[in-house]
Amino acid sequence: MKRSIKELVLRVVILLIGLTIAHLGVTLFLLTDLGADPFNVLVQGIFRTISSVTGMTALTHGYTHIAICFLIILVLLIVDRSYIKIGTILCMVCGGPIIDFFTRLLQFIFAQERTLWFKLPVLALGCVILAFGMTIVIKSDAGTGPNDLVALVISEKSHKKFGIVRIIVDVSFVVVGFVLGGSFGIGTIVCACLVGPVAGFFLPQSEKIVERILHKCCKS
């Protein structure tokens, strides 16, 4: 069924709202300084391996992150291009600046030395917010972040629960990244085990929210 311009624009707006919510969670998670998210452990490992082998001085973690995201998009364009939409590119372009904004806004929370008992609840809250925002992005059906696409495609192709697939994918990222030289902490483990199940719980609720908004705005 062909979508109207109004619906397409609304879906992109919903995606951007979900993206902002998700990266608020990412920022809280990162500010605890308890370890990188699973995908960035993989990126860090690949970055360190390439740097040590080739000695490429121009290579950075950020460039490596973008390169891996583009590689995921390229593979999916070959396998099943229906998963690649405008929102996929928006997720790549907007994620970094959103995190930078929230970091400046929220870094006062960690201006003083904080104990682990303070950081762990903030970490868990960040993971929950991340998972909720991620499900809004997915259910906007305007595109999904490249690193989330891996779990989403496997889940839909294999007809397995998203939460379980996400844990498997995240743990795989951590293991491969660690073998390649990436580092992680307790926050990485919490993220790998928590985000998938929480996102799996929120997916039906997010779908209802998105469909309600679309029905109200596009049918009026």
C-alpha atoms as a PDB file:
ATOM      1  CA  MET A   1       0.000   0.000   0.000  1.00  0.00           C
ATOM      2  CA  LYS A   2       1.433   3.347  -1.111  1.00  0.00           C
ATOM      3  CA  ARG A   3       1.964   5.879   1.664  1.00  0.00           C
ATOM      4  CA  SER A   4       1.073   9.544   1.414  1.00  0.00           C
ATOM      5  CA  ILE A   5       3.709  12.260   1.828  1.00  0.00           C
ATOM      6  CA  LYS A   6       2.058  13.266   5.111  1.00  0.00           C
ATOM      7  CA  GLU A   7       2.381   9.742   6.493  1.00  0.00           C
ATOM      8  CA  LEU A   8       6.009   9.410   5.355  1.00  0.00           C
ATOM      9  CA  VAL A   9       6.934  12.717   7.021  1.00  0.00           C
ATOM     10  CA  LEU A  10       5.098  11.711  10.202  1.00  0.00           C
ATOM     11  CA  ARG A  11       6.900   8.365  10.310  1.00  0.00           C
ATOM     12  CA  VAL A  12      10.271  10.124  10.001  1.00  0.00           C
ATOM     13  CA  VAL A  13       9.288  12.539  12.806  1.00  0.00           C
ATOM     14  CA  ILE A  14       8.309   9.581  15.011  1.00  0.00           C
ATOM     15  CA  LEU A  15      11.646   7.940  14.179  1.00  0.00           C
ATOM     16  CA  LEU A  16      13.561  11.082  15.182  1.00  0.00           C
ATOM     17  CA  ILE A  17      11.666  11.241  18.491  1.00  0.00           C
ATOM     18  CA  GLY A  18      12.499   7.589  19.159  1.00  0.00           C
ATOM     19  CA  LEU A  19      16.110   8.220  18.151  1.00  0.00           C
ATOM     20  CA  THR A  20      16.346  11.121  20.601  1.00  0.00           C
ATOM     21  CA  ILE A  21      14.870   9.012  23.436  1.00  0.00           C
ATOM     22  CA  ALA A  22      17.215   6.118  22.629  1.00  0.00           C
ATOM     23  CA  HIS A  23      20.307   8.342  22.630  1.00  0.00           C
ATOM     24  CA  LEU A  24      19.277   9.925  25.912  1.00  0.00           C
ATOM     25  CA  GLY A  25      19.526   6.379  27.269  1.00  0.00           C
ATOM     26  CA  VAL A  26      22.854   5.842  25.514  1.00  0.00           C
ATOM     27  CA  THR A  27      24.205   9.050  27.060  1.00  0.00           C
ATOM     28  CA  LEU A  28      23.192   8.042  30.587  1.00  0.00           C
ATOM     29  CA  PHE A  29      24.755   4.646  29.958  1.00  0.00           C
ATOM     30  CA  LEU A  30      28.027   6.167  28.694  1.00  0.00           C
ATOM     31  CA  LEU A  31      28.275   8.752  31.491  1.00  0.00           C
ATOM     32  CA  THR A  32      28.435   5.972  34.091  1.00  0.00           C
ATOM     33  CA  ASP A  33      31.793   5.035  32.530  1.00  0.00           C
ATOM     34  CA  LEU A  34      31.146   1.334  33.222  1.00  0.00           C
ATOM     35  CA  GLY A  35      31.917   0.091  29.722  1.00  0.00           C
ATOM     36  CA  ALA A  36      30.933   0.672  26.102  1.00  0.00           C
ATOM     37  CA  ASP A  37      27.770  -0.732  24.529  1.00  0.00           C
ATOM     38  CA  PRO A  38      28.278  -4.129  22.802  1.00  0.00           C
ATOM     39  CA  PHE A  39      28.394  -2.729  19.250  1.00  0.00           C
ATOM     40  CA  ASN A  40      31.101  -0.236  20.186  1.00  0.00           C
ATOM     41  CA  VAL A  41      33.160  -2.968  21.864  1.00  0.00           C
ATOM     42  CA  LEU A  42      33.161  -4.608  18.425  1.00  0.00           C
ATOM     43  CA  VAL A  43      34.020  -1.297  16.740  1.00  0.00           C
ATOM     44  CA  GLN A  44      36.817  -0.687  19.257  1.00  0.00           C
ATOM     45  CA  GLY A  45      38.258  -4.152  18.679  1.00  0.00           C
ATOM     46  CA  ILE A  46      38.218  -3.777  14.885  1.00  0.00           C
ATOM     47  CA  PHE A  47      39.661  -0.261  15.162  1.00  0.00           C
ATOM     48  CA  ARG A  48      42.546  -1.395  17.375  1.00  0.00           C
ATOM     49  CA  THR A  49      43.270  -4.418  15.182  1.00  0.00           C
ATOM     50  CA  ILE A  50      43.376  -2.402  11.946  1.00  0.00           C
ATOM     51  CA  SER A  51      45.434   0.350  13.613  1.00  0.00           C
ATOM     52  CA  SER A  52      48.038  -2.091  14.936  1.00  0.00           C
ATOM     53  CA  VAL A  53      48.312  -4.037  11.663  1.00  0.00           C
ATOM     54  CA  THR A  54      48.271  -1.171   9.150  1.00  0.00           C
ATOM     55  CA  GLY A  55      49.384   1.789  11.260  1.00  0.00           C
ATOM     56  CA  MET A  56      46.784   4.013   9.574  1.00  0.00           C
ATOM     57  CA  THR A  57      47.191   7.331  11.403  1.00  0.00           C
ATOM     58  CA  ALA A  58      44.049   8.846   9.839  1.00  0.00           C
ATOM     59  CA  LEU A  59      41.856   6.039  11.160  1.00  0.00           C
ATOM     60  CA  THR A  60      39.709   6.848  14.204  1.00  0.00           C
ATOM     61  CA  HIS A  61      37.089   5.023  16.244  1.00  0.00           C
ATOM     62  CA  GLY A  62      34.425   7.261  14.692  1.00  0.00           C
ATOM     63  CA  TYR A  63      35.497   6.488  11.124  1.00  0.00           C
ATOM     64  CA  THR A  64      35.587   2.772  11.948  1.00  0.00           C
ATOM     65  CA  HIS A  65      32.059   2.999  13.395  1.00  0.00           C
ATOM     66  CA  ILE A  66      30.756   4.666  10.223  1.00  0.00           C
ATOM     67  CA  ALA A  67      32.579   2.162   7.999  1.00  0.00           C
ATOM     68  CA  ILE A  68      31.042  -0.843   9.816  1.00  0.00           C
ATOM     69  CA  CYS A  69      27.573   0.752   9.629  1.00  0.00           C
ATOM     70  CA  PHE A  70      27.986   1.296   5.887  1.00  0.00           C
ATOM     71  CA  LEU A  71      29.158  -2.308   5.507  1.00  0.00           C
ATOM     72  CA  ILE A  72      26.002  -3.553   7.291  1.00  0.00           C
ATOM     73  CA  ILE A  73      23.867  -1.384   4.992  1.00  0.00           C
ATOM     74  CA  LEU A  74      25.714  -2.675   1.925  1.00  0.00           C
ATOM     75  CA  VAL A  75      25.189  -6.319   2.936  1.00  0.00           C
ATOM     76  CA  LEU A  76      21.486  -5.717   3.559  1.00  0.00           C
ATOM     77  CA  LEU A  77      21.104  -3.936   0.217  1.00  0.00           C
ATOM     78  CA  ILE A  78      22.328  -7.159  -1.364  1.00  0.00           C
ATOM     79  CA  VAL A  79      20.357  -9.537   0.890  1.00  0.00           C
ATOM     80  CA  ASP A  80      17.085  -7.647   1.359  1.00  0.00           C
ATOM     81  CA  ARG A  81      16.947  -3.947   0.507  1.00  0.00           C
ATOM     82  CA  SER A  82      13.462  -3.500   2.020  1.00  0.00           C
ATOM     83  CA  TYR A  83      15.108  -3.001   5.434  1.00  0.00           C
ATOM     84  CA  ILE A  84      17.124   0.018   4.280  1.00  0.00           C
ATOM     85  CA  LYS A  85      15.133   3.261   4.423  1.00  0.00           C
ATOM     86  CA  ILE A  86      15.774   6.968   4.891  1.00  0.00           C
ATOM     87  CA  GLY A  87      15.671   6.563   8.665  1.00  0.00           C
ATOM     88  CA  THR A  88      18.652   4.208   8.554  1.00  0.00           C
ATOM     89  CA  ILE A  89      20.794   7.037   7.216  1.00  0.00           C
ATOM     90  CA  LEU A  90      19.253   9.506   9.693  1.00  0.00           C
ATOM     91  CA  CYS A  91      20.191   7.186  12.564  1.00  0.00           C
ATOM     92  CA  MET A  92      23.813   7.198  11.390  1.00  0.00           C
ATOM     93  CA  VAL A  93      23.973  10.969  10.883  1.00  0.00           C
ATOM     94  CA  CYS A  94      22.017  12.166  13.939  1.00  0.00           C
ATOM     95  CA  GLY A  95      23.133   9.739  16.674  1.00  0.00           C
ATOM     96  CA  GLY A  96      26.510  11.333  17.442  1.00  0.00           C
ATOM     97  CA  PRO A  97      25.287  14.962  17.701  1.00  0.00           C
ATOM     98  CA  ILE A  98      22.357  13.903  19.923  1.00  0.00           C
ATOM     99  CA  ILE A  99      24.740  12.119  22.313  1.00  0.00           C
ATOM    100  CA  ASP A 100      27.032  15.183  22.345  1.00  0.00           C
ATOM    101  CA  PHE A 101      24.062  17.415  23.221  1.00  0.00           C
ATOM    102  CA  PHE A 102      22.838  15.203  26.062  1.00  0.00           C
ATOM    103  CA  THR A 103      26.395  14.739  27.358  1.00  0.00           C
ATOM    104  CA  ARG A 104      26.817  18.512  27.786  1.00  0.00           C
ATOM    105  CA  LEU A 105      23.359  18.700  29.356  1.00  0.00           C
ATOM    106  CA  LEU A 106      23.736  15.819  31.812  1.00  0.00           C
ATOM    107  CA  GLN A 107      27.420  15.610  32.640  1.00  0.00           C
ATOM    108  CA  PHE A 108      26.838  17.628  35.828  1.00  0.00           C
ATOM    109  CA  ILE A 109      25.276  14.447  37.271  1.00  0.00           C
ATOM    110  CA  PHE A 110      28.728  12.865  37.236  1.00  0.00           C
ATOM    111  CA  ALA A 111      30.728  16.021  37.977  1.00  0.00           C
ATOM    112  CA  GLN A 112      31.689  14.520  41.343  1.00  0.00           C
ATOM    113  CA  GLU A 113      33.047  11.059  42.005  1.00  0.00           C
ATOM    114  CA  ARG A 114      30.150   8.610  42.171  1.00  0.00           C
ATOM    115  CA  THR A 115      30.012   5.153  43.718  1.00  0.00           C
ATOM    116  CA  LEU A 116      29.104   1.987  41.859  1.00  0.00           C
ATOM    117  CA  TRP A 117      25.791   1.882  43.761  1.00  0.00           C
ATOM    118  CA  PHE A 118      24.904   5.242  42.197  1.00  0.00           C
ATOM    119  CA  LYS A 119      26.123   4.330  38.717  1.00  0.00           C
ATOM    120  CA  LEU A 120      24.406   0.950  38.383  1.00  0.00           C
ATOM    121  CA  PRO A 121      20.804   2.263  38.721  1.00  0.00           C
ATOM    122  CA  VAL A 122      21.646   5.075  36.260  1.00  0.00           C
ATOM    123  CA  LEU A 123      23.121   2.476  33.901  1.00  0.00           C
ATOM    124  CA  ALA A 124      19.984   0.312  34.154  1.00  0.00           C
ATOM    125  CA  LEU A 125      17.756   3.368  33.596  1.00  0.00           C
ATOM    126  CA  GLY A 126      19.836   4.309  30.552  1.00  0.00           C
ATOM    127  CA  CYS A 127      19.449   0.812  29.108  1.00  0.00           C
ATOM    128  CA  VAL A 128      15.666   0.879  29.634  1.00  0.00           C
ATOM    129  CA  ILE A 129      15.339   4.316  27.989  1.00  0.00           C
ATOM    130  CA  LEU A 130      17.581   3.130  25.142  1.00  0.00           C
ATOM    131  CA  ALA A 131      15.435   0.027  24.620  1.00  0.00           C
ATOM    132  CA  PHE A 132      12.194   2.013  24.612  1.00  0.00           C
ATOM    133  CA  GLY A 133      13.482   4.619  22.157  1.00  0.00           C
ATOM    134  CA  MET A 134      14.868   1.869  19.941  1.00  0.00           C
ATOM    135  CA  THR A 135      11.438   0.210  19.700  1.00  0.00           C
ATOM    136  CA  ILE A 136       9.848   3.531  18.675  1.00  0.00           C
ATOM    137  CA  VAL A 137      12.444   3.791  15.904  1.00  0.00           C
ATOM    138  CA  ILE A 138      11.777   0.213  14.766  1.00  0.00           C
ATOM    139  CA  LYS A 139       7.982   0.594  14.804  1.00  0.00           C
ATOM    140  CA  SER A 140       8.101   3.933  12.974  1.00  0.00           C
ATOM    141  CA  ASP A 141       8.883   1.754   9.942  1.00  0.00           C
ATOM    142  CA  ALA A 142      10.940   4.599   8.494  1.00  0.00           C
ATOM    143  CA  GLY A 143      14.277   2.860   8.990  1.00  0.00           C
ATOM    144  CA  THR A 144      16.409   1.482  11.809  1.00  0.00           C
ATOM    145  CA  GLY A 145      19.945   2.118  13.024  1.00  0.00           C
ATOM    146  CA  PRO A 146      22.467  -0.133  11.212  1.00  0.00           C
ATOM    147  CA  ASN A 147      23.604  -1.924  14.385  1.00  0.00           C
ATOM    148  CA  ASP A 148      19.981  -2.624  15.422  1.00  0.00           C
ATOM    149  CA  LEU A 149      19.197  -3.934  11.946  1.00  0.00           C
ATOM    150  CA  VAL A 150      21.343  -7.023  12.499  1.00  0.00           C
ATOM    151  CA  ALA A 151      19.142  -8.282  15.351  1.00  0.00           C
ATOM    152  CA  LEU A 152      15.940  -7.095  13.661  1.00  0.00           C
ATOM    153  CA  VAL A 153      16.624  -8.893  10.367  1.00  0.00           C
ATOM    154  CA  ILE A 154      17.712 -12.136  12.060  1.00  0.00           C
ATOM    155  CA  SER A 155      14.634 -12.006  14.303  1.00  0.00           C
ATOM    156  CA  GLU A 156      12.191 -11.496  11.427  1.00  0.00           C
ATOM    157  CA  LYS A 157      13.884 -13.955   9.053  1.00  0.00           C
ATOM    158  CA  SER A 158      14.137 -16.710  11.675  1.00  0.00           C
ATOM    159  CA  HIS A 159      10.779 -15.913  13.366  1.00  0.00           C
ATOM    160  CA  LYS A 160      12.503 -15.804  16.753  1.00  0.00           C
ATOM    161  CA  LYS A 161      11.737 -13.375  19.577  1.00  0.00           C
ATOM    162  CA  PHE A 162      13.587 -10.088  19.126  1.00  0.00           C
ATOM    163  CA  GLY A 163      14.715  -9.979  22.774  1.00  0.00           C
ATOM    164  CA  ILE A 164      16.470 -13.359  22.569  1.00  0.00           C
ATOM    165  CA  VAL A 165      18.065 -12.597  19.201  1.00  0.00           C
ATOM    166  CA  ARG A 166      19.277  -9.231  20.469  1.00  0.00           C
ATOM    167  CA  ILE A 167      21.041 -10.862  23.439  1.00  0.00           C
ATOM    168  CA  ILE A 168      22.759 -13.364  21.126  1.00  0.00           C
ATOM    169  CA  VAL A 169      23.848 -10.614  18.721  1.00  0.00           C
ATOM    170  CA  ASP A 170      25.080  -8.310  21.515  1.00  0.00           C
ATOM    171  CA  VAL A 171      27.029 -11.081  23.252  1.00  0.00           C
ATOM    172  CA  SER A 172      28.557 -12.016  19.882  1.00  0.00           C
ATOM    173  CA  PHE A 173      29.625  -8.384  19.371  1.00  0.00           C
ATOM    174  CA  VAL A 174      31.266  -8.354  22.816  1.00  0.00           C
ATOM    175  CA  VAL A 175      33.091 -11.672  22.338  1.00  0.00           C
ATOM    176  CA  VAL A 176      34.420 -10.824  18.860  1.00  0.00           C
ATOM    177  CA  GLY A 177      35.301  -7.280  19.925  1.00  0.00           C
ATOM    178  CA  PHE A 178      37.148  -8.518  23.013  1.00  0.00           C
ATOM    179  CA  VAL A 179      39.116 -11.095  20.985  1.00  0.00           C
ATOM    180  CA  LEU A 180      40.135  -8.307  18.569  1.00  0.00           C
ATOM    181  CA  GLY A 181      41.314  -6.074  21.416  1.00  0.00           C
ATOM    182  CA  GLY A 182      38.209  -4.189  22.494  1.00  0.00           C
ATOM    183  CA  SER A 183      37.634  -3.461  26.183  1.00  0.00           C
ATOM    184  CA  PHE A 184      34.426  -3.625  28.169  1.00  0.00           C
ATOM    185  CA  GLY A 185      33.095  -3.359  31.697  1.00  0.00           C
ATOM    186  CA  ILE A 186      30.154  -4.359  33.828  1.00  0.00           C
ATOM    187  CA  GLY A 187      27.999  -1.858  31.930  1.00  0.00           C
ATOM    188  CA  THR A 188      28.608  -3.751  28.694  1.00  0.00           C
ATOM    189  CA  ILE A 189      27.338  -6.961  30.261  1.00  0.00           C
ATOM    190  CA  VAL A 190      24.281  -5.232  31.751  1.00  0.00           C
ATOM    191  CA  CYS A 191      23.510  -3.646  28.367  1.00  0.00           C
ATOM    192  CA  ALA A 192      23.953  -6.929  26.464  1.00  0.00           C
ATOM    193  CA  CYS A 193      21.622  -8.799  28.815  1.00  0.00           C
ATOM    194  CA  LEU A 194      19.054  -6.058  29.526  1.00  0.00           C
ATOM    195  CA  VAL A 195      18.368  -4.124  26.306  1.00  0.00           C
ATOM    196  CA  GLY A 196      17.101  -7.094  24.263  1.00  0.00           C
ATOM    197  CA  PRO A 197      14.453  -8.348  26.727  1.00  0.00           C
ATOM    198  CA  VAL A 198      13.302  -4.804  27.587  1.00  0.00           C
ATOM    199  CA  ALA A 199      13.008  -3.931  23.889  1.00  0.00           C
ATOM    200  CA  GLY A 200      11.094  -7.169  23.328  1.00  0.00           C
ATOM    201  CA  PHE A 201       8.673  -6.108  26.071  1.00  0.00           C
ATOM    202  CA  PHE A 202       8.232  -2.581  24.659  1.00  0.00           C
ATOM    203  CA  LEU A 203       7.822  -3.536  20.978  1.00  0.00           C
ATOM    204  CA  PRO A 204       4.048  -4.302  21.141  1.00  0.00           C
ATOM    205  CA  GLN A 205       3.402  -1.163  23.213  1.00  0.00           C
ATOM    206  CA  SER A 206       5.458   0.988  20.836  1.00  0.00           C
ATOM    207  CA  GLU A 207       3.598  -0.420  17.846  1.00  0.00           C
ATOM    208  CA  LYS A 208       0.270   0.584  19.436  1.00  0.00           C
ATOM    209  CA  ILE A 209       1.570   4.089  20.181  1.00  0.00           C
ATOM    210  CA  VAL A 210       2.861   4.601  16.623  1.00  0.00           C
ATOM    211  CA  GLU A 211      -0.283   3.227  14.973  1.00  0.00           C
ATOM    212  CA  ARG A 212      -2.496   5.376  17.209  1.00  0.00           C
ATOM    213  CA  ILE A 213      -0.563   8.504  16.256  1.00  0.00           C
ATOM    214  CA  LEU A 214      -0.640   7.625  12.547  1.00  0.00           C
ATOM    215  CA  HIS A 215      -4.352   6.825  12.646  1.00  0.00           C
ATOM    216  CA  LYS A 216      -5.187  10.047  14.454  1.00  0.00           C
ATOM    217  CA  CYS A 217      -3.020  12.335  12.289  1.00  0.00           C
ATOM    218  CA  CYS A 218      -3.387  10.703   8.862  1.00  0.00           C
ATOM    219  CA  LYS A 219      -7.097   9.891   8.985  1.00  0.00           C
ATOM    220  CA  SER A 220      -8.190  13.283  10.255  1.00  0.00           C
END
